[in-house]
Amino acid sequence: MPYLVFEKFGQAKPLPRRSSKTIKFRRYYLSMNDATFTPYAYFQTDSQNNFSPAEKALTEGVTPDATNLESSDYYATLVQYGDRTVITDVIMDTHEDDVLKEAIEILGEQAPVILETARFNVLKAGSNVYYSNGSARTDVNTVISLNDIRRAVRGLKRQLAKPITSMVKSTPAYGTETIMPCYIAVCHPDLEPDLRAIQGFVPADKYGSTPMENEIGKIEHIRFLASTIVEPWLGGGAADTTDTTLETSAKSDVYPILIFGQNAYGLVPLKGENSLTPMVVNPVPSDSDPMAQRGHVSWKAYSATVILQDFWMARIECAVSDLD
């Protein structure tokens, strides 16, 4: 469960049994004047995003025209993932450890890492991006600052991104639990020292409430969680003449910080009886293995992730301090 960071905050849609490979997510809103969805279209505003309450003023005794309720569908195609390992009869008969049990445990840890990495690969491609310096990833060679965080939050608020108020429980059963309203950021653990150095940082262990798994702390409206799955682009930035950032081939490594509001993305959760199929086959005689020399431990699962609203998520790209 600690690996399942992205799973906790997306719009989750469990996979029904015997359904198609296409998962559909749907958003409802009031009718728009054009085909392009913008957050402000929820409230029927003009082209300058100005609210027009006068248009909704009621006339005594007159029933107003109805505003149509519309929807947009977003589709994601399920991908099947899995892996297996082979255990011979000799290992099972002679090894001092319970290798079968160890294999089950290791594969159980591998599955969420693979699924969360697939989710990260989708989410890191969002178009709403901020750089710690410059105007492109190849310009980046400075660490994150409070101003970078405030720019991202301001952008989310301008686009009416709602704070997250609940998350998926860290249990095998599907369910949610309430959290205090906030935006959620997920980043690599290498960023922790730079985040702690920012003015106003509050460590997770200083909260009045129980922190989330893998939570580092909070800065103003954002709570930060760490995951090694959020890997950097090694050498993706510019040269650092001060030699104060982590580098690859004389160029700064660029670390993404993914920030989410409510309903920014959707996914198929690793929850419920249909989410993952574990399999253990002990060595038994068969045409392909007549002497029962090989056993197998494996798993398979379906997963899909889709960005539902680029306006409601942001990515900060920054360098990380070299602590040497």
Protein backbone atom coordinates (compact mmCIF):
# COMPACT_ATOMS: atom_id res chain seq x y z
CA MET A 1 0.00 0.00 0.00
CA PRO A 2 2.77 2.57 0.63
CA TYR A 3 3.66 2.43 -3.08
CA LEU A 4 0.12 3.41 -4.14
CA VAL A 5 0.45 7.19 -3.94
CA PHE A 6 -1.38 8.21 -7.11
CA GLU A 7 -4.17 5.74 -6.43
CA LYS A 8 -5.28 7.65 -3.33
CA PHE A 9 -6.23 10.91 -5.05
CA GLY A 10 -7.55 10.11 -8.54
CA GLN A 11 -11.15 9.66 -9.58
CA ALA A 12 -11.33 5.90 -9.08
CA LYS A 13 -13.49 3.60 -11.15
CA PRO A 14 -13.22 -0.08 -10.17
CA LEU A 15 -13.11 -2.60 -13.00
CA PRO A 16 -16.38 -4.54 -13.37
CA ARG A 17 -16.16 -8.23 -14.14
CA ARG A 18 -16.65 -9.19 -17.81
CA SER A 19 -16.61 -5.62 -19.06
CA SER A 20 -14.84 -4.14 -22.08
CA LYS A 21 -11.19 -3.04 -22.17
CA THR A 22 -12.31 0.59 -22.35
CA ILE A 23 -13.02 2.51 -19.13
CA LYS A 24 -15.23 5.61 -19.39
CA PHE A 25 -15.07 8.59 -17.03
CA ARG A 26 -17.77 11.25 -17.26
CA ARG A 27 -17.94 14.91 -16.19
CA TYR A 28 -21.20 16.89 -15.93
CA TYR A 29 -21.53 20.65 -16.36
CA LEU A 30 -23.97 23.31 -17.55
CA SER A 31 -24.30 23.89 -21.30
CA MET A 32 -21.48 25.78 -23.00
CA ASN A 33 -21.46 28.26 -25.88
CA ASP A 34 -18.72 26.37 -27.65
CA ALA A 35 -17.34 22.84 -27.73
CA THR A 36 -14.24 23.60 -25.67
CA PHE A 37 -14.55 22.82 -21.97
CA THR A 38 -13.20 25.40 -19.54
CA PRO A 39 -13.78 25.40 -15.79
CA TYR A 40 -15.64 28.70 -15.97
CA ALA A 41 -18.19 27.14 -18.31
CA TYR A 42 -19.71 25.50 -15.24
CA PHE A 43 -21.29 28.85 -14.43
CA GLN A 44 -22.09 30.21 -17.91
CA THR A 45 -19.74 33.16 -18.19
CA ASP A 46 -18.76 35.40 -21.06
CA SER A 47 -15.61 35.08 -23.18
CA GLN A 48 -13.61 37.09 -20.62
CA ASN A 49 -14.46 34.65 -17.82
CA ASN A 50 -16.64 37.29 -16.17
CA PHE A 51 -19.52 35.97 -14.13
CA SER A 52 -22.88 37.33 -15.31
CA PRO A 53 -25.37 37.07 -12.45
CA ALA A 54 -27.62 39.67 -14.10
CA GLU A 55 -28.42 37.12 -16.81
CA LYS A 56 -29.76 34.82 -14.13
CA ALA A 57 -31.93 37.41 -12.39
CA LEU A 58 -35.52 36.20 -12.13
CA THR A 59 -38.55 38.17 -13.30
CA GLU A 60 -41.57 38.01 -11.04
CA GLY A 61 -44.01 35.36 -12.21
CA VAL A 62 -41.88 34.32 -15.20
CA THR A 63 -40.34 30.85 -15.40
CA PRO A 64 -36.75 31.18 -16.64
CA ASP A 65 -35.38 29.23 -19.59
CA ALA A 66 -33.74 26.00 -18.54
CA THR A 67 -30.00 25.58 -18.83
CA ASN A 68 -29.12 22.20 -20.30
CA LEU A 69 -27.06 19.75 -18.30
CA GLU A 70 -24.28 18.37 -20.50
CA SER A 71 -21.46 15.90 -20.08
CA SER A 72 -18.10 14.98 -21.55
CA ASP A 73 -16.73 11.45 -21.66
CA TYR A 74 -13.06 10.56 -21.26
CA TYR A 75 -11.85 7.11 -22.23
CA ALA A 76 -8.87 5.03 -21.14
CA THR A 77 -7.87 1.66 -22.57
CA LEU A 78 -7.03 -1.03 -20.06
CA VAL A 79 -3.55 -2.50 -20.18
CA GLN A 80 -2.78 -5.89 -18.63
CA TYR A 81 0.42 -6.10 -16.59
CA GLY A 82 2.02 -9.05 -14.85
CA ASP A 83 5.12 -11.06 -14.06
CA ARG A 84 6.13 -14.51 -12.89
CA THR A 85 9.06 -16.37 -11.37
CA VAL A 86 10.00 -20.04 -11.49
CA ILE A 87 10.91 -22.12 -8.43
CA THR A 88 12.38 -25.56 -8.96
CA ASP A 89 11.57 -28.63 -6.92
CA VAL A 90 15.20 -28.79 -5.78
CA ILE A 91 15.01 -25.29 -4.30
CA MET A 92 11.72 -26.07 -2.56
CA ASP A 93 13.11 -29.36 -1.16
CA THR A 94 16.57 -28.24 -0.06
CA HIS A 95 16.74 -24.49 0.51
CA GLU A 96 16.81 -23.29 4.12
CA ASP A 97 14.30 -20.47 3.42
CA ASP A 98 10.64 -20.74 2.49
CA VAL A 99 11.38 -19.57 -1.05
CA LEU A 100 7.78 -19.90 -2.19
CA LYS A 101 6.60 -17.53 0.54
CA GLU A 102 9.42 -15.09 -0.26
CA ALA A 103 8.51 -15.12 -3.95
CA ILE A 104 4.88 -14.36 -3.16
CA GLU A 105 5.88 -11.42 -0.97
CA ILE A 106 8.35 -9.95 -3.49
CA LEU A 107 5.90 -10.20 -6.40
CA GLY A 108 3.24 -8.63 -4.18
CA GLU A 109 5.54 -5.65 -3.71
CA GLN A 110 6.43 -5.51 -7.40
CA ALA A 111 2.84 -5.25 -8.66
CA PRO A 112 1.97 -1.82 -7.20
CA VAL A 113 5.35 -0.41 -8.24
CA ILE A 114 4.71 -1.39 -11.86
CA LEU A 115 1.14 -0.07 -11.84
CA GLU A 116 2.08 3.21 -10.15
CA THR A 117 4.95 3.72 -12.60
CA ALA A 118 2.50 3.31 -15.49
CA ARG A 119 0.26 5.93 -13.85
CA PHE A 120 3.18 8.31 -13.38
CA ASN A 121 4.10 8.00 -17.04
CA VAL A 122 0.62 9.22 -17.96
CA LEU A 123 0.36 12.00 -15.38
CA LYS A 124 3.81 13.50 -15.96
CA ALA A 125 2.74 14.32 -19.52
CA GLY A 126 0.27 17.00 -18.37
CA SER A 127 0.53 20.30 -20.25
CA ASN A 128 0.30 22.69 -17.24
CA VAL A 129 3.97 23.12 -16.31
CA TYR A 130 6.08 25.60 -14.32
CA TYR A 131 9.88 25.81 -14.33
CA SER A 132 12.06 26.87 -11.40
CA ASN A 133 13.93 29.01 -13.93
CA GLY A 134 13.78 29.58 -17.67
CA SER A 135 10.98 28.63 -20.03
CA ALA A 136 11.85 25.02 -20.86
CA ARG A 137 13.13 21.89 -19.14
CA THR A 138 16.53 22.34 -20.75
CA ASP A 139 16.88 25.72 -18.95
CA VAL A 140 16.36 24.33 -15.44
CA ASN A 141 19.34 24.48 -13.04
CA THR A 142 17.90 26.00 -9.83
CA VAL A 143 16.11 24.42 -6.87
CA ILE A 144 12.46 24.95 -6.01
CA SER A 145 11.40 28.11 -4.16
CA LEU A 146 8.32 29.30 -2.30
CA ASN A 147 7.50 31.51 -5.28
CA ASP A 148 7.41 28.46 -7.59
CA ILE A 149 4.88 26.78 -5.30
CA ARG A 150 2.76 29.92 -5.06
CA ARG A 151 2.71 30.31 -8.85
CA ALA A 152 1.42 26.78 -9.27
CA VAL A 153 -1.24 27.21 -6.57
CA ARG A 154 -2.34 30.52 -8.04
CA GLY A 155 -2.75 28.87 -11.43
CA LEU A 156 -4.85 26.06 -9.97
CA LYS A 157 -7.08 28.49 -8.10
CA ARG A 158 -7.57 30.66 -11.20
CA GLN A 159 -8.84 27.59 -13.02
CA LEU A 160 -11.23 26.74 -10.16
CA ALA A 161 -9.37 23.56 -9.21
CA LYS A 162 -11.08 22.33 -6.05
CA PRO A 163 -8.90 21.22 -3.13
CA ILE A 164 -8.85 17.50 -2.41
CA THR A 165 -11.06 16.60 0.56
CA SER A 166 -10.92 12.79 0.56
CA MET A 167 -8.58 9.98 -0.40
CA VAL A 168 -8.78 6.25 -0.99
CA LYS A 169 -8.19 4.27 2.20
CA SER A 170 -4.93 2.37 2.62
CA THR A 171 -6.71 -0.97 2.92
CA PRO A 172 -7.42 -3.78 0.42
CA ALA A 173 -11.15 -2.89 0.43
CA TYR A 174 -12.38 0.00 -1.68
CA GLY A 175 -13.43 3.08 0.30
CA THR A 176 -12.52 6.69 1.03
CA GLU A 177 -11.71 8.77 4.09
CA THR A 178 -11.97 12.50 4.68
CA ILE A 179 -8.93 14.78 4.83
CA MET A 180 -8.59 18.51 5.40
CA PRO A 181 -8.96 20.47 2.11
CA CYS A 182 -5.61 20.82 0.34
CA TYR A 183 -3.78 20.31 -2.93
CA ILE A 184 -1.64 17.17 -3.07
CA ALA A 185 1.91 17.14 -4.46
CA VAL A 186 3.91 14.00 -5.20
CA CYS A 187 7.67 14.22 -5.65
CA HIS A 188 10.90 12.22 -5.35
CA PRO A 189 12.44 11.85 -1.86
CA ASP A 190 15.55 13.69 -3.13
CA LEU A 191 13.49 16.89 -2.94
CA GLU A 192 12.84 16.63 0.80
CA PRO A 193 15.86 18.72 1.94
CA ASP A 194 14.95 21.56 -0.44
CA LEU A 195 11.31 21.51 0.67
CA ARG A 196 12.30 21.59 4.35
CA ALA A 197 14.48 24.62 3.65
CA ILE A 198 11.54 26.68 2.32
CA GLN A 199 10.12 29.24 4.72
CA GLY A 200 6.84 28.11 6.21
CA PHE A 201 7.44 24.37 5.77
CA VAL A 202 5.55 22.32 8.39
CA PRO A 203 6.84 18.75 8.95
CA ALA A 204 4.22 16.00 8.84
CA ASP A 205 5.03 14.93 12.38
CA LYS A 206 4.01 18.39 13.63
CA TYR A 207 0.44 18.10 12.34
CA GLY A 208 -2.44 18.06 14.73
CA SER A 209 -3.81 15.09 12.77
CA THR A 210 -2.28 11.82 11.56
CA PRO A 211 -0.14 12.32 8.43
CA MET A 212 -0.64 10.30 5.29
CA GLU A 213 1.72 7.48 4.33
CA ASN A 214 4.96 8.83 2.81
CA GLU A 215 4.00 12.41 3.69
CA ILE A 216 6.91 14.85 4.08
CA GLY A 217 4.99 17.91 5.24
CA LYS A 218 3.07 20.90 3.96
CA ILE A 219 3.76 24.36 2.56
CA GLU A 220 0.77 26.69 2.65
CA HIS A 221 -2.00 25.00 0.58
CA ILE A 222 0.00 21.94 -0.52
CA ARG A 223 0.74 18.67 1.26
CA PHE A 224 3.82 16.88 -0.12
CA LEU A 225 4.17 13.11 -0.45
CA ALA A 226 7.36 11.31 -1.48
CA SER A 227 7.69 8.41 -3.91
CA THR A 228 10.75 7.03 -5.68
CA ILE A 229 8.47 6.32 -8.64
CA VAL A 230 8.54 10.04 -9.49
CA GLU A 231 11.90 9.79 -11.21
CA PRO A 232 13.88 12.77 -12.56
CA TRP A 233 15.08 13.44 -16.07
CA LEU A 234 18.78 12.82 -15.55
CA GLY A 235 20.86 15.55 -17.17
CA GLY A 236 17.67 17.06 -18.57
CA GLY A 237 18.43 20.63 -17.46
CA ALA A 238 21.09 23.24 -18.09
CA ALA A 239 24.68 23.30 -16.89
CA ASP A 240 25.05 24.47 -13.29
CA THR A 241 28.12 26.72 -13.12
CA THR A 242 27.92 26.80 -9.32
CA ASP A 243 28.01 22.99 -9.00
CA THR A 244 25.37 23.07 -6.26
CA THR A 245 22.76 20.77 -7.85
CA LEU A 246 22.69 17.06 -8.65
CA GLU A 247 24.02 16.61 -12.18
CA THR A 248 24.43 14.04 -14.90
CA SER A 249 26.94 14.68 -17.68
CA ALA A 250 27.55 18.22 -16.34
CA LYS A 251 23.85 19.17 -16.60
CA SER A 252 21.34 19.49 -13.77
CA ASP A 253 18.95 16.62 -13.20
CA VAL A 254 15.36 17.85 -13.51
CA TYR A 255 12.85 16.65 -10.91
CA PRO A 256 9.07 16.83 -11.46
CA ILE A 257 6.62 17.73 -8.72
CA LEU A 258 3.08 16.71 -9.64
CA ILE A 259 0.33 18.76 -7.96
CA PHE A 260 -3.33 17.75 -8.08
CA GLY A 261 -6.73 19.16 -7.30
CA GLN A 262 -10.00 17.24 -7.24
CA ASN A 263 -10.89 15.12 -10.29
CA ALA A 264 -7.70 15.98 -12.16
CA TYR A 265 -7.27 12.39 -13.32
CA GLY A 266 -9.05 9.06 -13.32
CA LEU A 267 -7.78 5.53 -12.83
CA VAL A 268 -8.71 1.93 -12.26
CA PRO A 269 -7.80 1.26 -8.60
CA LEU A 270 -5.88 -1.74 -7.33
CA LYS A 271 -8.85 -2.62 -5.13
CA GLY A 272 -11.45 -5.36 -4.89
CA GLU A 273 -11.60 -8.96 -5.98
CA ASN A 274 -11.16 -8.22 -9.70
CA SER A 275 -8.19 -5.87 -9.37
CA LEU A 276 -5.29 -8.35 -9.25
CA THR A 277 -4.99 -12.09 -9.78
CA PRO A 278 -2.20 -13.84 -7.84
CA MET A 279 -1.29 -17.38 -8.93
CA VAL A 280 0.81 -20.09 -7.27
CA VAL A 281 1.44 -23.36 -9.11
CA ASN A 282 3.36 -26.01 -7.18
CA PRO A 283 5.49 -28.46 -9.16
CA VAL A 284 3.11 -31.09 -10.57
CA PRO A 285 3.58 -33.66 -13.36
CA SER A 286 2.40 -32.45 -16.77
CA ASP A 287 3.21 -32.94 -20.46
CA SER A 288 5.55 -29.93 -20.36
CA ASP A 289 7.03 -30.90 -16.97
CA PRO A 290 6.65 -34.69 -16.63
CA MET A 291 8.94 -34.91 -13.58
CA ALA A 292 7.35 -32.01 -11.67
CA GLN A 293 10.57 -30.02 -11.56
CA ARG A 294 9.18 -26.48 -11.85
CA GLY A 295 6.71 -24.39 -9.90
CA HIS A 296 5.49 -20.88 -10.69
CA VAL A 297 4.45 -17.78 -8.77
CA SER A 298 2.84 -14.99 -10.80
CA TRP A 299 0.40 -12.10 -10.83
CA LYS A 300 -1.58 -10.16 -13.42
CA ALA A 301 -3.72 -7.05 -13.25
CA TYR A 302 -5.48 -4.53 -15.46
CA SER A 303 -4.82 -0.83 -15.10
CA ALA A 304 -5.62 2.43 -16.87
CA THR A 305 -5.03 6.11 -16.12
CA VAL A 306 -6.32 9.19 -17.92
CA ILE A 307 -5.92 12.94 -17.37
CA LEU A 308 -9.43 14.35 -16.98
CA GLN A 309 -8.57 18.04 -16.67
CA ASP A 310 -5.17 19.62 -17.31
CA PHE A 311 -6.43 22.83 -15.65
CA TRP A 312 -6.69 21.03 -12.32
CA MET A 313 -3.18 19.63 -12.14
CA ALA A 314 0.25 21.21 -12.44
CA ARG A 315 3.84 20.11 -12.76
CA ILE A 316 6.81 22.00 -11.33
CA GLU A 317 10.19 21.08 -12.82
CA CYS A 318 13.23 21.99 -10.75
CA ALA A 319 16.76 20.99 -9.85
CA VAL A 320 17.76 19.47 -6.50
CA SER A 321 20.52 20.57 -4.15
CA ASP A 322 23.73 18.55 -4.09
CA LEU A 323 24.30 17.95 -0.38
CA ASP A 324 27.99 17.09 -0.72
